[in-house]
N, C-alpha and C. Protein backbone atom coordinates (compact mmCIF):
# COMPACT_ATOMS: atom_id res chain seq x y z
N MET A 1 -3.18 -29.67 56.59
CA MET A 1 -4.13 -28.60 56.36
C MET A 1 -4.82 -28.80 55.02
N THR A 2 -6.10 -28.50 54.99
CA THR A 2 -6.84 -28.63 53.75
C THR A 2 -7.49 -27.32 53.33
N ALA A 3 -7.36 -26.29 54.09
CA ALA A 3 -7.98 -25.00 53.75
C ALA A 3 -7.12 -24.25 52.73
N GLY A 4 -7.73 -23.34 51.96
CA GLY A 4 -6.99 -22.49 51.04
C GLY A 4 -7.01 -22.99 49.60
N ALA A 5 -6.38 -22.21 48.77
CA ALA A 5 -6.36 -22.51 47.33
C ALA A 5 -5.42 -23.66 47.02
N ARG A 6 -5.78 -24.43 46.03
CA ARG A 6 -4.96 -25.54 45.58
C ARG A 6 -4.77 -25.42 44.07
N PRO A 7 -3.60 -25.74 43.56
CA PRO A 7 -3.40 -25.70 42.11
C PRO A 7 -4.26 -26.76 41.44
N GLN A 8 -4.88 -26.38 40.33
CA GLN A 8 -5.66 -27.32 39.53
C GLN A 8 -5.27 -27.18 38.08
N LYS A 9 -5.40 -28.26 37.36
CA LYS A 9 -5.11 -28.22 35.93
C LYS A 9 -6.37 -27.72 35.21
N VAL A 10 -6.18 -26.66 34.40
CA VAL A 10 -7.29 -26.09 33.65
C VAL A 10 -6.94 -26.21 32.17
N ASP A 11 -7.81 -26.86 31.41
CA ASP A 11 -7.60 -26.99 29.97
C ASP A 11 -8.01 -25.68 29.30
N VAL A 12 -7.13 -25.16 28.46
CA VAL A 12 -7.40 -23.92 27.75
C VAL A 12 -7.34 -24.20 26.27
N LYS A 13 -8.33 -23.70 25.56
CA LYS A 13 -8.28 -23.84 24.10
C LYS A 13 -8.82 -22.55 23.49
N PHE A 14 -8.23 -22.19 22.36
CA PHE A 14 -8.58 -20.96 21.67
C PHE A 14 -9.70 -21.23 20.68
N GLU A 15 -10.77 -20.47 20.82
CA GLU A 15 -11.89 -20.63 19.89
C GLU A 15 -12.24 -19.29 19.25
N GLY A 16 -11.27 -18.42 19.13
CA GLY A 16 -11.50 -17.09 18.56
C GLY A 16 -11.53 -17.12 17.04
N ILE A 17 -11.53 -15.96 16.48
CA ILE A 17 -11.58 -15.81 15.03
C ILE A 17 -10.17 -15.99 14.47
N VAL A 18 -10.06 -16.82 13.47
CA VAL A 18 -8.79 -17.00 12.78
C VAL A 18 -8.90 -16.27 11.45
N ARG A 19 -8.08 -15.26 11.29
CA ARG A 19 -8.12 -14.48 10.05
C ARG A 19 -7.20 -15.11 9.02
N LYS A 20 -7.74 -15.30 7.85
CA LYS A 20 -6.94 -15.86 6.77
C LYS A 20 -6.41 -14.73 5.92
N GLN A 21 -5.13 -14.78 5.67
CA GLN A 21 -4.48 -13.79 4.82
C GLN A 21 -4.75 -14.15 3.37
N GLU A 22 -5.41 -13.25 2.65
CA GLU A 22 -5.64 -13.50 1.24
C GLU A 22 -4.33 -13.35 0.49
N GLU A 23 -4.07 -14.28 -0.36
CA GLU A 23 -2.85 -14.21 -1.15
C GLU A 23 -3.21 -14.06 -2.62
N HIS A 24 -2.61 -13.06 -3.23
CA HIS A 24 -2.84 -12.80 -4.64
C HIS A 24 -1.51 -12.84 -5.37
N GLU A 25 -1.57 -13.05 -6.65
CA GLU A 25 -0.37 -12.97 -7.47
C GLU A 25 -0.30 -11.58 -8.08
N TYR A 26 0.87 -10.96 -7.97
CA TYR A 26 1.08 -9.61 -8.48
C TYR A 26 2.13 -9.65 -9.59
N THR A 27 1.88 -8.89 -10.63
CA THR A 27 2.84 -8.76 -11.72
C THR A 27 3.79 -7.63 -11.38
N ASP A 28 5.09 -7.91 -11.40
CA ASP A 28 6.08 -6.86 -11.14
C ASP A 28 6.13 -5.92 -12.32
N VAL A 29 6.07 -4.62 -12.01
CA VAL A 29 6.06 -3.59 -13.03
C VAL A 29 7.16 -2.58 -12.69
N GLU A 30 7.94 -2.21 -13.68
CA GLU A 30 8.98 -1.20 -13.50
C GLU A 30 8.37 0.19 -13.74
N TRP A 31 8.78 1.15 -12.92
CA TRP A 31 8.28 2.52 -13.05
C TRP A 31 8.48 3.06 -14.46
N ASN A 32 9.66 2.84 -15.02
CA ASN A 32 9.99 3.36 -16.36
C ASN A 32 9.08 2.79 -17.44
N ALA A 33 8.61 1.57 -17.25
CA ALA A 33 7.83 0.89 -18.29
C ALA A 33 6.39 1.37 -18.38
N VAL A 34 5.90 2.06 -17.36
CA VAL A 34 4.47 2.43 -17.34
C VAL A 34 4.26 3.94 -17.28
N GLN A 35 5.16 4.68 -17.86
CA GLN A 35 5.03 6.14 -17.84
C GLN A 35 3.99 6.66 -18.81
N SER A 36 3.75 5.94 -19.88
CA SER A 36 2.71 6.39 -20.82
C SER A 36 1.37 5.84 -20.35
N SER A 37 0.34 6.62 -20.53
CA SER A 37 -0.99 6.17 -20.10
C SER A 37 -1.44 4.97 -20.93
N GLY A 38 -0.93 4.83 -22.15
CA GLY A 38 -1.27 3.68 -22.98
C GLY A 38 -0.76 2.38 -22.38
N GLU A 39 0.48 2.40 -21.89
CA GLU A 39 1.05 1.20 -21.27
C GLU A 39 0.34 0.89 -19.95
N TRP A 40 0.05 1.92 -19.17
CA TRP A 40 -0.62 1.71 -17.88
C TRP A 40 -2.05 1.21 -18.09
N SER A 41 -2.74 1.70 -19.11
CA SER A 41 -4.13 1.29 -19.33
C SER A 41 -4.23 -0.20 -19.67
N LYS A 42 -3.18 -0.80 -20.18
CA LYS A 42 -3.18 -2.24 -20.44
C LYS A 42 -3.27 -3.04 -19.14
N LEU A 43 -2.88 -2.42 -18.03
CA LEU A 43 -2.88 -3.09 -16.72
C LEU A 43 -4.16 -2.86 -15.93
N ASP A 44 -5.10 -2.07 -16.45
CA ASP A 44 -6.30 -1.70 -15.71
C ASP A 44 -7.03 -2.92 -15.16
N GLY A 45 -7.24 -2.93 -13.83
CA GLY A 45 -7.94 -4.03 -13.17
C GLY A 45 -7.05 -5.18 -12.76
N LYS A 46 -5.76 -5.15 -13.13
CA LYS A 46 -4.84 -6.24 -12.78
C LYS A 46 -4.08 -5.88 -11.52
N ARG A 47 -3.63 -6.90 -10.81
CA ARG A 47 -2.83 -6.70 -9.61
C ARG A 47 -1.36 -6.55 -10.02
N VAL A 48 -0.75 -5.46 -9.56
CA VAL A 48 0.64 -5.16 -9.90
C VAL A 48 1.43 -4.81 -8.65
N ALA A 49 2.74 -4.96 -8.73
CA ALA A 49 3.66 -4.57 -7.66
C ALA A 49 4.72 -3.68 -8.29
N MET A 50 5.04 -2.58 -7.62
CA MET A 50 6.08 -1.70 -8.15
C MET A 50 6.79 -0.97 -7.03
N LYS A 51 8.01 -0.57 -7.32
CA LYS A 51 8.84 0.14 -6.35
C LYS A 51 8.63 1.64 -6.55
N ILE A 52 8.32 2.33 -5.43
CA ILE A 52 8.00 3.76 -5.52
C ILE A 52 8.66 4.52 -4.37
N ALA A 53 8.58 5.85 -4.46
CA ALA A 53 8.93 6.74 -3.36
C ALA A 53 7.66 7.51 -3.02
N VAL A 54 7.36 7.63 -1.74
CA VAL A 54 6.15 8.31 -1.31
C VAL A 54 6.35 9.81 -1.41
N GLY A 55 5.40 10.47 -2.06
CA GLY A 55 5.44 11.92 -2.21
C GLY A 55 4.64 12.60 -1.13
N ARG A 56 3.53 13.17 -1.50
CA ARG A 56 2.71 13.92 -0.55
C ARG A 56 1.29 13.35 -0.52
N SER A 57 0.55 13.74 0.53
CA SER A 57 -0.86 13.36 0.55
C SER A 57 -1.60 14.25 -0.44
N GLU A 58 -2.70 13.77 -0.92
CA GLU A 58 -3.44 14.43 -1.99
C GLU A 58 -4.86 14.70 -1.52
N ASN A 59 -5.52 15.68 -2.08
CA ASN A 59 -6.89 15.98 -1.69
C ASN A 59 -7.87 15.85 -2.86
N SER A 60 -7.63 14.87 -3.69
CA SER A 60 -8.49 14.62 -4.84
C SER A 60 -8.78 13.13 -4.93
N TRP A 61 -10.07 12.78 -5.10
CA TRP A 61 -10.48 11.39 -5.18
C TRP A 61 -11.29 11.18 -6.46
N PRO A 62 -10.63 11.20 -7.64
CA PRO A 62 -11.38 11.07 -8.89
C PRO A 62 -11.80 9.64 -9.23
N LEU A 63 -11.40 8.67 -8.42
CA LEU A 63 -11.69 7.27 -8.72
C LEU A 63 -12.91 6.81 -7.92
N ALA A 64 -13.93 6.34 -8.62
CA ALA A 64 -15.17 5.92 -7.97
C ALA A 64 -14.95 4.72 -7.03
N ASP A 65 -13.95 3.88 -7.32
CA ASP A 65 -13.65 2.70 -6.48
C ASP A 65 -13.08 3.10 -5.13
N ALA A 66 -12.60 4.33 -5.00
CA ALA A 66 -11.89 4.75 -3.80
C ALA A 66 -12.49 6.05 -3.26
N PRO A 67 -13.64 5.98 -2.58
CA PRO A 67 -14.26 7.20 -2.05
C PRO A 67 -13.47 7.78 -0.88
N LYS A 68 -13.63 9.07 -0.68
CA LYS A 68 -12.92 9.81 0.37
C LYS A 68 -13.19 9.23 1.76
N GLU A 69 -14.37 8.68 1.98
CA GLU A 69 -14.74 8.14 3.29
C GLU A 69 -13.99 6.86 3.64
N LYS A 70 -13.41 6.19 2.64
CA LYS A 70 -12.76 4.90 2.88
C LYS A 70 -11.28 4.87 2.51
N PHE A 71 -10.80 5.89 1.80
CA PHE A 71 -9.41 5.87 1.31
C PHE A 71 -8.75 7.22 1.50
N SER A 72 -7.44 7.18 1.73
CA SER A 72 -6.63 8.40 1.66
C SER A 72 -5.93 8.38 0.30
N ALA A 73 -5.67 9.56 -0.21
CA ALA A 73 -5.04 9.67 -1.53
C ALA A 73 -3.61 10.19 -1.36
N TRP A 74 -2.69 9.66 -2.15
CA TRP A 74 -1.27 10.02 -2.08
C TRP A 74 -0.71 10.15 -3.48
N MET A 75 0.28 11.01 -3.63
CA MET A 75 1.06 11.08 -4.86
C MET A 75 2.36 10.34 -4.61
N VAL A 76 2.75 9.50 -5.55
CA VAL A 76 4.00 8.75 -5.43
C VAL A 76 4.80 8.96 -6.71
N GLY A 77 6.10 8.78 -6.59
CA GLY A 77 6.98 8.90 -7.73
C GLY A 77 7.80 7.64 -7.90
N GLY A 78 8.63 7.64 -8.90
CA GLY A 78 9.51 6.50 -9.13
C GLY A 78 10.54 6.38 -8.02
N PRO A 79 11.30 5.32 -8.01
CA PRO A 79 12.26 5.07 -6.94
C PRO A 79 13.35 6.14 -6.80
N GLU A 80 13.57 6.94 -7.83
CA GLU A 80 14.55 8.02 -7.74
C GLU A 80 13.89 9.36 -7.42
N GLY A 81 12.62 9.35 -7.08
CA GLY A 81 11.90 10.57 -6.74
C GLY A 81 11.79 11.51 -7.93
N SER A 82 12.22 12.75 -7.76
CA SER A 82 12.13 13.76 -8.83
C SER A 82 12.99 13.40 -10.03
N ASN A 83 14.01 12.57 -9.82
CA ASN A 83 14.88 12.17 -10.92
C ASN A 83 14.31 11.00 -11.73
N SER A 84 13.19 10.44 -11.29
CA SER A 84 12.54 9.36 -12.05
C SER A 84 11.84 9.97 -13.25
N PRO A 85 11.79 9.24 -14.35
CA PRO A 85 11.11 9.78 -15.53
C PRO A 85 9.60 9.87 -15.31
N GLY A 86 8.99 10.78 -16.01
CA GLY A 86 7.54 10.90 -15.99
C GLY A 86 7.00 11.65 -14.79
N LEU A 87 5.68 11.74 -14.76
CA LEU A 87 4.98 12.47 -13.71
C LEU A 87 4.66 11.55 -12.55
N PRO A 88 4.41 12.13 -11.36
CA PRO A 88 3.96 11.30 -10.23
C PRO A 88 2.63 10.63 -10.54
N MET A 89 2.28 9.70 -9.71
CA MET A 89 1.08 8.89 -9.91
C MET A 89 0.24 8.96 -8.64
N ARG A 90 -1.07 8.92 -8.76
CA ARG A 90 -1.97 8.96 -7.60
C ARG A 90 -2.31 7.55 -7.17
N VAL A 91 -2.20 7.30 -5.85
CA VAL A 91 -2.58 6.00 -5.30
C VAL A 91 -3.57 6.23 -4.16
N PHE A 92 -4.39 5.22 -3.91
CA PHE A 92 -5.41 5.29 -2.87
C PHE A 92 -5.16 4.18 -1.86
N VAL A 93 -5.14 4.57 -0.57
CA VAL A 93 -4.78 3.66 0.50
C VAL A 93 -5.97 3.54 1.46
N PRO A 94 -6.40 2.32 1.82
CA PRO A 94 -7.54 2.17 2.73
C PRO A 94 -7.27 2.82 4.09
N LEU A 95 -8.25 3.58 4.58
CA LEU A 95 -8.11 4.25 5.87
C LEU A 95 -8.07 3.25 7.02
N GLY A 96 -7.31 3.59 8.06
CA GLY A 96 -7.27 2.79 9.27
C GLY A 96 -6.55 1.46 9.14
N THR A 97 -5.67 1.33 8.17
CA THR A 97 -4.96 0.06 7.96
C THR A 97 -3.47 0.24 8.22
N ARG A 98 -2.77 -0.86 8.30
CA ARG A 98 -1.32 -0.84 8.44
C ARG A 98 -0.68 -0.14 7.25
N THR A 99 -1.27 -0.33 6.08
CA THR A 99 -0.75 0.31 4.88
C THR A 99 -0.85 1.82 4.98
N GLU A 100 -1.94 2.32 5.51
CA GLU A 100 -2.08 3.77 5.69
C GLU A 100 -1.04 4.29 6.68
N ARG A 101 -0.80 3.56 7.75
CA ARG A 101 0.24 3.97 8.72
C ARG A 101 1.62 3.98 8.06
N THR A 102 1.87 3.02 7.17
CA THR A 102 3.15 3.00 6.45
C THR A 102 3.30 4.27 5.63
N PHE A 103 2.26 4.67 4.92
CA PHE A 103 2.32 5.89 4.12
C PHE A 103 2.47 7.13 5.01
N SER A 104 1.73 7.18 6.09
CA SER A 104 1.77 8.34 6.99
C SER A 104 3.14 8.51 7.65
N ASN A 105 3.81 7.41 7.93
CA ASN A 105 5.11 7.46 8.61
C ASN A 105 6.29 7.49 7.64
N ALA A 106 6.03 7.38 6.36
CA ALA A 106 7.11 7.34 5.37
C ALA A 106 7.82 8.68 5.28
N LYS A 107 9.12 8.61 5.00
CA LYS A 107 9.88 9.83 4.71
C LYS A 107 9.57 10.20 3.27
N THR A 108 8.90 11.31 3.09
CA THR A 108 8.49 11.71 1.75
C THR A 108 9.64 12.42 1.05
N TYR A 109 9.56 12.48 -0.27
CA TYR A 109 10.57 13.17 -1.04
C TYR A 109 9.96 14.45 -1.60
N THR A 110 10.80 15.40 -1.87
CA THR A 110 10.37 16.61 -2.59
C THR A 110 11.26 16.68 -3.82
N SER A 111 12.19 17.62 -3.83
CA SER A 111 13.12 17.66 -4.97
C SER A 111 14.48 17.13 -4.55
N ASN A 112 14.61 16.70 -3.33
CA ASN A 112 15.88 16.16 -2.83
C ASN A 112 15.99 14.68 -3.14
N THR A 113 17.02 14.07 -2.62
CA THR A 113 17.20 12.64 -2.82
C THR A 113 16.15 11.86 -2.02
N VAL A 114 15.89 10.66 -2.44
CA VAL A 114 14.91 9.80 -1.79
C VAL A 114 15.59 9.04 -0.66
N ASP A 115 15.03 9.13 0.55
CA ASP A 115 15.59 8.42 1.69
C ASP A 115 15.04 7.00 1.83
N GLU A 116 13.78 6.82 1.45
CA GLU A 116 13.14 5.51 1.59
C GLU A 116 12.34 5.18 0.32
N THR A 117 12.41 3.93 -0.06
CA THR A 117 11.56 3.46 -1.16
C THR A 117 10.69 2.32 -0.63
N TYR A 118 9.58 2.11 -1.30
CA TYR A 118 8.61 1.11 -0.87
C TYR A 118 8.17 0.27 -2.06
N VAL A 119 7.77 -0.95 -1.78
CA VAL A 119 7.15 -1.80 -2.79
C VAL A 119 5.67 -1.81 -2.46
N VAL A 120 4.87 -1.27 -3.39
CA VAL A 120 3.43 -1.26 -3.20
C VAL A 120 2.81 -2.31 -4.10
N LYS A 121 1.78 -2.94 -3.57
CA LYS A 121 1.04 -3.95 -4.32
C LYS A 121 -0.42 -3.54 -4.31
N GLY A 122 -1.04 -3.64 -5.46
CA GLY A 122 -2.44 -3.25 -5.53
C GLY A 122 -3.02 -3.45 -6.91
N ILE A 123 -4.16 -2.81 -7.13
CA ILE A 123 -4.90 -2.95 -8.37
C ILE A 123 -4.71 -1.70 -9.22
N ALA A 124 -4.20 -1.89 -10.42
CA ALA A 124 -4.00 -0.78 -11.35
C ALA A 124 -5.35 -0.30 -11.84
N ARG A 125 -5.51 1.02 -11.90
CA ARG A 125 -6.74 1.63 -12.38
C ARG A 125 -6.42 2.62 -13.48
N GLU A 126 -7.44 3.05 -14.21
CA GLU A 126 -7.24 3.94 -15.35
C GLU A 126 -6.57 5.25 -14.93
N ASN A 127 -6.02 5.94 -15.92
CA ASN A 127 -5.36 7.24 -15.74
C ASN A 127 -4.20 7.20 -14.75
N ARG A 128 -3.41 6.14 -14.80
CA ARG A 128 -2.22 6.00 -13.95
C ARG A 128 -2.56 6.18 -12.47
N GLN A 129 -3.54 5.44 -12.00
CA GLN A 129 -3.92 5.43 -10.60
C GLN A 129 -3.86 3.98 -10.10
N MET A 130 -3.82 3.84 -8.77
CA MET A 130 -3.72 2.51 -8.20
C MET A 130 -4.43 2.47 -6.85
N VAL A 131 -5.13 1.38 -6.58
CA VAL A 131 -5.70 1.13 -5.26
C VAL A 131 -4.73 0.19 -4.56
N VAL A 132 -4.06 0.70 -3.54
CA VAL A 132 -2.99 -0.04 -2.86
C VAL A 132 -3.58 -1.03 -1.86
N GLU A 133 -3.08 -2.26 -1.89
CA GLU A 133 -3.49 -3.28 -0.94
C GLU A 133 -2.44 -3.51 0.15
N SER A 134 -1.17 -3.28 -0.18
CA SER A 134 -0.10 -3.40 0.82
C SER A 134 1.10 -2.57 0.41
N ALA A 135 1.90 -2.21 1.40
CA ALA A 135 3.13 -1.46 1.16
C ALA A 135 4.18 -1.92 2.15
N GLU A 136 5.38 -2.17 1.65
CA GLU A 136 6.49 -2.60 2.49
C GLU A 136 7.72 -1.80 2.11
N LYS A 137 8.54 -1.54 3.10
CA LYS A 137 9.78 -0.82 2.85
C LYS A 137 10.68 -1.72 1.99
N ALA A 138 11.25 -1.13 0.94
CA ALA A 138 12.16 -1.88 0.07
C ALA A 138 13.56 -1.85 0.67
N ASP A 139 14.27 -2.92 0.51
CA ASP A 139 15.66 -3.09 1.00
C ASP A 139 15.95 -2.19 2.13
């Protein structure tokens, strides 16, 4: 019989878009070391990585680099939450990204113990603010 479908070899090759992951070098910063605005201002514009606890979402966008239409704002604290020295810090997370989902799904702290900590990487900005580029759960 010669009627009907027959198996044929079909060459397949991928010609789609290949996304390149940008790699940057980040300076590790301890929460305790950057509690004064003077110490933090030395880092302005530099890429830093630090361990934090996610606090609450924020409704203030005082940073011109991070407009409300493109970023969500969050308050974060040190890895011990309320027991960390100093005041919380404002960070800005790009909307519609994996990093924003990480923040939205994070167990936030109030005055209780911290259940989850994260390592955030991003660009330090004036007045103890940061534009976050990535966030990963710590240990």
